[in-house]
Amino acid sequence: MRPAPIVAFALGALLAGCGGAQQQTERRLGELGTELKLLRDAVEGQNRRLEDMRDRLQLVEDQLEAQALHRGRVPQRLPVVRLAPRDEDPGPTAEEIAGATTITQDDLYALGGGARSPGGPVEPPPNAAHAGNIGVTPVPGGGGAPSAVAPAPLPPVDDAIAQYKAAYSAYQQGDLSAAAHGFGDFVARYPKHGYADNALFLLGDCRFQRAEYAGALEAFRTVLSEHPTGNKVPDALLMIGRTLQRLGRPAEGRETLARLVAMYPDTDAAQRAASALGGQGRM
């Protein structure tokens, strides 16, 4: 046998083996790429679930803060606190006080529905029943007797929180216009959500920083009227006092701050109010 055909055969076999090994390597690389993508997707899913858990925990912490704030702190009647007026600011007359729009404890009761209620746990938001099942499995239909008109389905908790966080991100970045729009839309869409009082307060703060004092006052007062047992009540009272001062109503502003100090003396808002009252300066 001539050597040339043998060499050619051996070379062909070697090339065929190399080609097969290359195909096997490429196939294995493809499998590894698929496994890596699956692992990456699993990690991203775990991260999303952890973020959902952190969001739900923040809601619970807000509710606990509200419970601690209002438990045993609602007096039968808030004493009227009067401040000694400065010479250049004689303060309101009796007639002006009678028609003033300051916040009293009875105002808070009236804003909350017109009935006095003892301090106690804050009612959970309507969608709290679904809070433990976010991003896991669909919530099955509720049992019980069917009603004549089926209620509209509650919005997903994670969608509401995502919208709130987007508005808060704009607020932190100083984009007050976008933040105000986001908070206003959030309150309109989710008026009973656990973050609704936070959104209202931040909406008022956006307006306050933009010198839109009338709109800011409206937002802060809505915190009191719609969420009288929420954890933002002291902060809202503080900002009502500051806003009244900016609106040229310093006597009403100081009276509101004095009521804040009397109602919630241990809060940071009350300490800031006391400092402002002691300095008698521009708040």
Protein backbone atom coordinates (compact mmCIF):
# COMPACT_ATOMS: atom_id res chain seq x y z
CA MET A 1 0.00 0.00 0.00
CA ARG A 2 1.28 3.42 -0.90
CA PRO A 3 1.87 5.69 2.13
CA ALA A 4 0.00 8.72 0.74
CA PRO A 5 -3.52 7.25 1.08
CA ILE A 6 -2.74 6.13 4.64
CA VAL A 7 -1.61 9.64 5.61
CA ALA A 8 -4.66 11.17 4.00
CA PHE A 9 -6.97 8.77 5.82
CA ALA A 10 -5.32 9.48 9.17
CA LEU A 11 -5.47 13.22 8.57
CA GLY A 12 -9.15 12.99 7.65
CA ALA A 13 -9.91 10.99 10.79
CA LEU A 14 -8.03 13.51 12.89
CA LEU A 15 -9.93 16.43 11.36
CA ALA A 16 -13.24 14.65 11.84
CA GLY A 17 -12.40 14.05 15.49
CA CYS A 18 -11.45 17.68 15.96
CA GLY A 19 -14.70 18.78 14.30
CA GLY A 20 -16.73 16.51 16.58
CA ALA A 21 -14.92 17.77 19.67
CA GLN A 22 -15.55 21.37 18.62
CA GLN A 23 -19.26 20.70 18.14
CA GLN A 24 -19.41 19.04 21.53
CA THR A 25 -17.62 22.01 23.11
CA GLU A 26 -19.97 24.49 21.46
CA ARG A 27 -22.97 22.47 22.59
CA ARG A 28 -21.68 22.40 26.15
CA LEU A 29 -21.02 26.15 26.07
CA GLY A 30 -24.61 26.68 24.93
CA GLU A 31 -25.87 24.55 27.79
CA LEU A 32 -23.75 26.50 30.26
CA GLY A 33 -25.09 29.78 28.87
CA THR A 34 -28.65 28.56 29.35
CA GLU A 35 -27.91 27.45 32.91
CA LEU A 36 -26.30 30.82 33.65
CA LYS A 37 -29.36 32.68 32.37
CA LEU A 38 -31.64 30.53 34.52
CA LEU A 39 -29.49 31.26 37.57
CA ARG A 40 -29.48 34.98 36.79
CA ASP A 41 -33.28 34.99 36.44
CA ALA A 42 -33.61 33.12 39.73
CA VAL A 43 -31.40 35.67 41.52
CA GLU A 44 -33.37 38.57 40.05
CA GLY A 45 -36.60 36.93 41.19
CA GLN A 46 -35.23 36.51 44.70
CA ASN A 47 -34.13 40.16 44.73
CA ARG A 48 -37.62 41.27 43.69
CA ARG A 49 -39.19 39.18 46.43
CA LEU A 50 -36.77 40.66 49.00
CA GLU A 51 -37.67 44.16 47.83
CA ASP A 52 -41.37 43.33 48.18
CA MET A 53 -40.75 42.08 51.71
CA ARG A 54 -38.88 45.28 52.61
CA ASP A 55 -41.76 47.37 51.25
CA ARG A 56 -44.32 45.42 53.25
CA LEU A 57 -42.15 45.72 56.36
CA GLN A 58 -42.03 49.51 55.93
CA LEU A 59 -45.83 49.60 55.78
CA VAL A 60 -46.03 47.58 59.00
CA GLU A 61 -43.52 49.89 60.68
CA ASP A 62 -45.63 52.92 59.68
CA GLN A 63 -48.71 51.30 61.21
CA LEU A 64 -46.86 50.45 64.42
CA GLU A 65 -45.56 54.01 64.64
CA ALA A 66 -49.10 55.33 64.26
CA GLN A 67 -50.37 52.99 66.98
CA ALA A 68 -47.64 54.08 69.39
CA LEU A 69 -48.24 57.73 68.53
CA HIS A 70 -51.98 57.76 69.23
CA ARG A 71 -52.32 55.13 71.96
CA GLY A 72 -53.51 56.90 75.08
CA ARG A 73 -52.65 60.32 73.67
CA VAL A 74 -56.14 61.51 72.77
CA PRO A 75 -57.38 63.71 75.64
CA GLN A 76 -61.06 64.28 76.30
CA ARG A 77 -60.56 67.89 75.32
CA LEU A 78 -57.40 69.62 74.26
CA PRO A 79 -56.72 72.67 76.44
CA VAL A 80 -56.62 75.92 74.54
CA VAL A 81 -53.07 77.26 74.62
CA ARG A 82 -52.63 80.99 74.31
CA LEU A 83 -49.29 82.67 73.78
CA ALA A 84 -48.30 86.09 75.04
CA PRO A 85 -48.30 88.21 71.87
CA ARG A 86 -45.34 90.37 70.98
CA ASP A 87 -45.78 94.13 70.73
CA GLU A 88 -45.65 94.15 66.94
CA ASP A 89 -48.08 91.24 66.70
CA PRO A 90 -51.10 91.76 69.02
CA GLY A 91 -52.62 88.46 67.95
CA PRO A 92 -56.20 87.70 66.96
CA THR A 93 -59.20 89.31 68.61
CA ALA A 94 -61.97 87.26 70.20
CA GLU A 95 -64.00 87.62 67.03
CA GLU A 96 -61.06 86.51 64.89
CA ILE A 97 -60.44 83.51 67.14
CA ALA A 98 -64.08 82.50 66.82
CA GLY A 99 -63.80 82.49 63.05
CA ALA A 100 -60.23 81.21 62.79
CA THR A 101 -59.44 78.03 60.94
CA THR A 102 -56.95 76.67 63.47
CA ILE A 103 -56.85 73.03 64.45
CA THR A 104 -58.38 71.96 67.75
CA GLN A 105 -58.84 68.50 69.19
CA ASP A 106 -62.56 68.70 68.42
CA ASP A 107 -61.62 69.64 64.87
CA LEU A 108 -59.62 66.42 64.62
CA TYR A 109 -62.58 64.40 65.86
CA ALA A 110 -64.88 66.12 63.38
CA LEU A 111 -62.43 65.69 60.52
CA GLY A 112 -62.13 62.01 61.38
CA GLY A 113 -65.85 61.38 60.97
CA GLY A 114 -67.59 63.36 63.67
CA ALA A 115 -67.34 60.83 66.50
CA ARG A 116 -64.85 60.47 69.27
CA SER A 117 -63.04 57.18 69.25
CA PRO A 118 -60.61 55.84 71.85
CA GLY A 119 -56.98 55.45 70.95
CA GLY A 120 -56.15 52.03 69.66
CA PRO A 121 -54.77 50.05 66.77
CA VAL A 122 -54.91 51.69 63.38
CA GLU A 123 -57.24 49.98 60.96
CA PRO A 124 -55.18 48.16 58.31
CA PRO A 125 -55.55 49.23 54.67
CA PRO A 126 -58.19 47.36 52.63
CA ASN A 127 -55.58 45.42 50.68
CA ALA A 128 -53.73 44.18 53.77
CA ALA A 129 -55.28 40.73 53.35
CA HIS A 130 -53.24 40.28 50.20
CA ALA A 131 -49.98 41.67 51.58
CA GLY A 132 -48.47 38.29 52.41
CA ASN A 133 -48.96 36.93 48.94
CA ILE A 134 -47.27 39.53 46.78
CA GLY A 135 -45.54 38.10 43.75
CA VAL A 136 -46.13 34.48 44.77
CA THR A 137 -49.47 33.11 43.57
CA PRO A 138 -52.72 34.68 42.40
CA VAL A 139 -55.12 35.49 45.20
CA PRO A 140 -58.16 33.19 44.97
CA GLY A 141 -61.64 34.61 44.93
CA GLY A 142 -63.16 35.29 48.31
CA GLY A 143 -65.88 33.10 49.71
CA GLY A 144 -69.08 34.06 51.46
CA ALA A 145 -72.47 35.07 50.24
CA PRO A 146 -72.44 36.90 46.90
CA SER A 147 -73.38 40.55 46.99
CA ALA A 148 -75.73 42.26 44.60
CA VAL A 149 -72.90 44.34 43.15
CA ALA A 150 -69.43 42.83 43.11
CA PRO A 151 -66.82 45.25 44.47
CA ALA A 152 -64.08 46.41 42.15
CA PRO A 153 -60.87 44.41 42.57
CA LEU A 154 -58.23 46.02 44.73
CA PRO A 155 -55.12 47.25 42.92
CA PRO A 156 -52.02 45.13 43.44
CA VAL A 157 -50.03 46.32 46.45
CA ASP A 158 -46.73 46.15 44.61
CA ASP A 159 -48.03 48.40 41.80
CA ALA A 160 -49.09 51.04 44.33
CA ILE A 161 -45.78 50.88 46.14
CA ALA A 162 -43.88 51.11 42.87
CA GLN A 163 -45.75 54.31 41.99
CA TYR A 164 -45.12 55.77 45.45
CA LYS A 165 -41.42 54.93 45.26
CA ALA A 166 -41.14 56.52 41.81
CA ALA A 167 -42.66 59.76 43.13
CA TYR A 168 -40.42 59.62 46.21
CA SER A 169 -37.36 59.13 44.02
CA ALA A 170 -38.26 62.29 42.09
CA TYR A 171 -38.74 64.09 45.43
CA GLN A 172 -35.29 63.01 46.66
CA GLN A 173 -33.73 64.19 43.39
CA GLY A 174 -35.31 67.63 43.77
CA ASP A 175 -37.75 67.29 40.87
CA LEU A 176 -40.63 68.77 42.85
CA SER A 177 -42.94 69.12 39.85
CA ALA A 178 -42.71 65.42 38.94
CA ALA A 179 -42.88 64.42 42.60
CA ALA A 180 -46.01 66.49 43.24
CA HIS A 181 -47.67 65.01 40.17
CA GLY A 182 -46.74 61.49 41.26
CA PHE A 183 -47.93 61.92 44.85
CA GLY A 184 -51.18 63.56 43.72
CA ASP A 185 -51.88 60.74 41.29
CA PHE A 186 -51.05 58.17 43.97
CA VAL A 187 -53.55 59.68 46.41
CA ALA A 188 -56.21 59.82 43.71
CA ARG A 189 -55.71 56.17 42.77
CA TYR A 190 -55.02 54.70 46.21
CA PRO A 191 -56.77 56.93 48.79
CA LYS A 192 -56.93 54.14 51.41
CA HIS A 193 -53.42 52.78 50.93
CA GLY A 194 -51.06 52.66 53.89
CA TYR A 195 -48.83 55.25 52.20
CA ALA A 196 -51.68 57.66 51.35
CA ASP A 197 -50.97 59.92 54.35
CA ASN A 198 -47.25 59.92 53.51
CA ALA A 199 -48.05 60.86 49.91
CA LEU A 200 -50.38 63.67 51.01
CA PHE A 201 -47.78 65.06 53.39
CA LEU A 202 -45.04 64.96 50.75
CA LEU A 203 -47.41 66.53 48.21
CA GLY A 204 -47.90 69.38 50.67
CA ASP A 205 -44.16 69.67 51.22
CA CYS A 206 -43.55 69.85 47.45
CA ARG A 207 -46.05 72.70 47.24
CA PHE A 208 -44.56 74.40 50.30
CA GLN A 209 -41.07 74.33 48.79
CA ARG A 210 -42.49 75.80 45.58
CA ALA A 211 -44.15 78.60 47.59
CA GLU A 212 -47.61 77.30 46.70
CA TYR A 213 -48.78 77.88 50.26
CA ALA A 214 -52.54 77.69 49.75
CA GLY A 215 -52.22 74.31 48.05
CA ALA A 216 -49.74 73.14 50.68
CA LEU A 217 -52.14 74.05 53.48
CA GLU A 218 -54.90 72.09 51.76
CA ALA A 219 -52.72 68.98 51.48
CA PHE A 220 -51.53 69.14 55.10
CA ARG A 221 -55.09 69.58 56.37
CA THR A 222 -56.21 66.63 54.27
CA VAL A 223 -53.71 64.50 56.18
CA LEU A 224 -55.69 65.36 59.33
CA SER A 225 -59.12 64.93 57.80
CA GLU A 226 -58.47 61.66 55.95
CA HIS A 227 -55.87 60.04 58.24
CA PRO A 228 -56.43 61.41 61.78
CA THR A 229 -54.84 58.33 63.37
CA GLY A 230 -51.89 58.11 60.98
CA ASN A 231 -48.26 58.65 61.86
CA LYS A 232 -47.97 61.87 59.83
CA VAL A 233 -50.39 63.91 62.01
CA PRO A 234 -47.68 65.65 64.10
CA ASP A 235 -45.62 66.52 61.02
CA ALA A 236 -48.75 67.80 59.26
CA LEU A 237 -49.60 70.01 62.25
CA LEU A 238 -46.05 71.39 62.23
CA MET A 239 -46.28 72.24 58.55
CA ILE A 240 -49.76 73.76 58.98
CA GLY A 241 -48.26 76.13 61.54
CA ARG A 242 -45.37 77.02 59.25
CA THR A 243 -47.65 77.45 56.24
CA LEU A 244 -50.05 79.74 58.12
CA GLN A 245 -47.06 81.89 59.04
CA ARG A 246 -46.03 82.12 55.38
CA LEU A 247 -49.61 83.08 54.50
CA GLY A 248 -49.38 86.08 56.82
CA ARG A 249 -51.35 84.52 59.69
CA PRO A 250 -48.65 84.20 62.38
CA ALA A 251 -50.99 84.15 65.38
CA GLU A 252 -52.91 81.18 63.96
CA GLY A 253 -49.65 79.49 63.08
CA ARG A 254 -48.27 79.82 66.61
CA GLU A 255 -51.52 78.61 68.12
CA THR A 256 -51.42 75.51 65.93
CA LEU A 257 -47.82 74.84 66.96
CA ALA A 258 -48.76 75.22 70.61
CA ARG A 259 -51.51 72.64 70.18
CA LEU A 260 -49.02 70.30 68.53
CA VAL A 261 -46.71 70.60 71.55
CA ALA A 262 -49.61 69.91 73.91
CA MET A 263 -50.92 66.92 71.94
CA TYR A 264 -47.71 65.12 70.95
CA PRO A 265 -44.98 66.42 73.26
CA ASP A 266 -42.57 63.52 72.71
CA THR A 267 -42.39 63.77 68.92
CA ASP A 268 -39.66 65.38 66.89
CA ALA A 269 -42.29 67.63 65.28
CA ALA A 270 -43.33 68.91 68.73
CA GLN A 271 -39.72 69.65 69.65
CA ARG A 272 -39.26 71.64 66.45
CA ALA A 273 -42.54 73.46 67.14
CA ALA A 274 -41.42 74.29 70.69
CA SER A 275 -38.12 75.63 69.35
CA ALA A 276 -39.97 77.82 66.85
CA LEU A 277 -42.31 79.09 69.55
CA GLY A 278 -39.41 79.86 71.85
CA GLY A 279 -37.56 81.78 69.18
CA GLN A 280 -40.70 83.53 67.95
CA GLY A 281 -38.93 83.81 64.62
CA ARG A 282 -39.86 82.98 61.09
CA MET A 283 -40.68 79.28 60.83
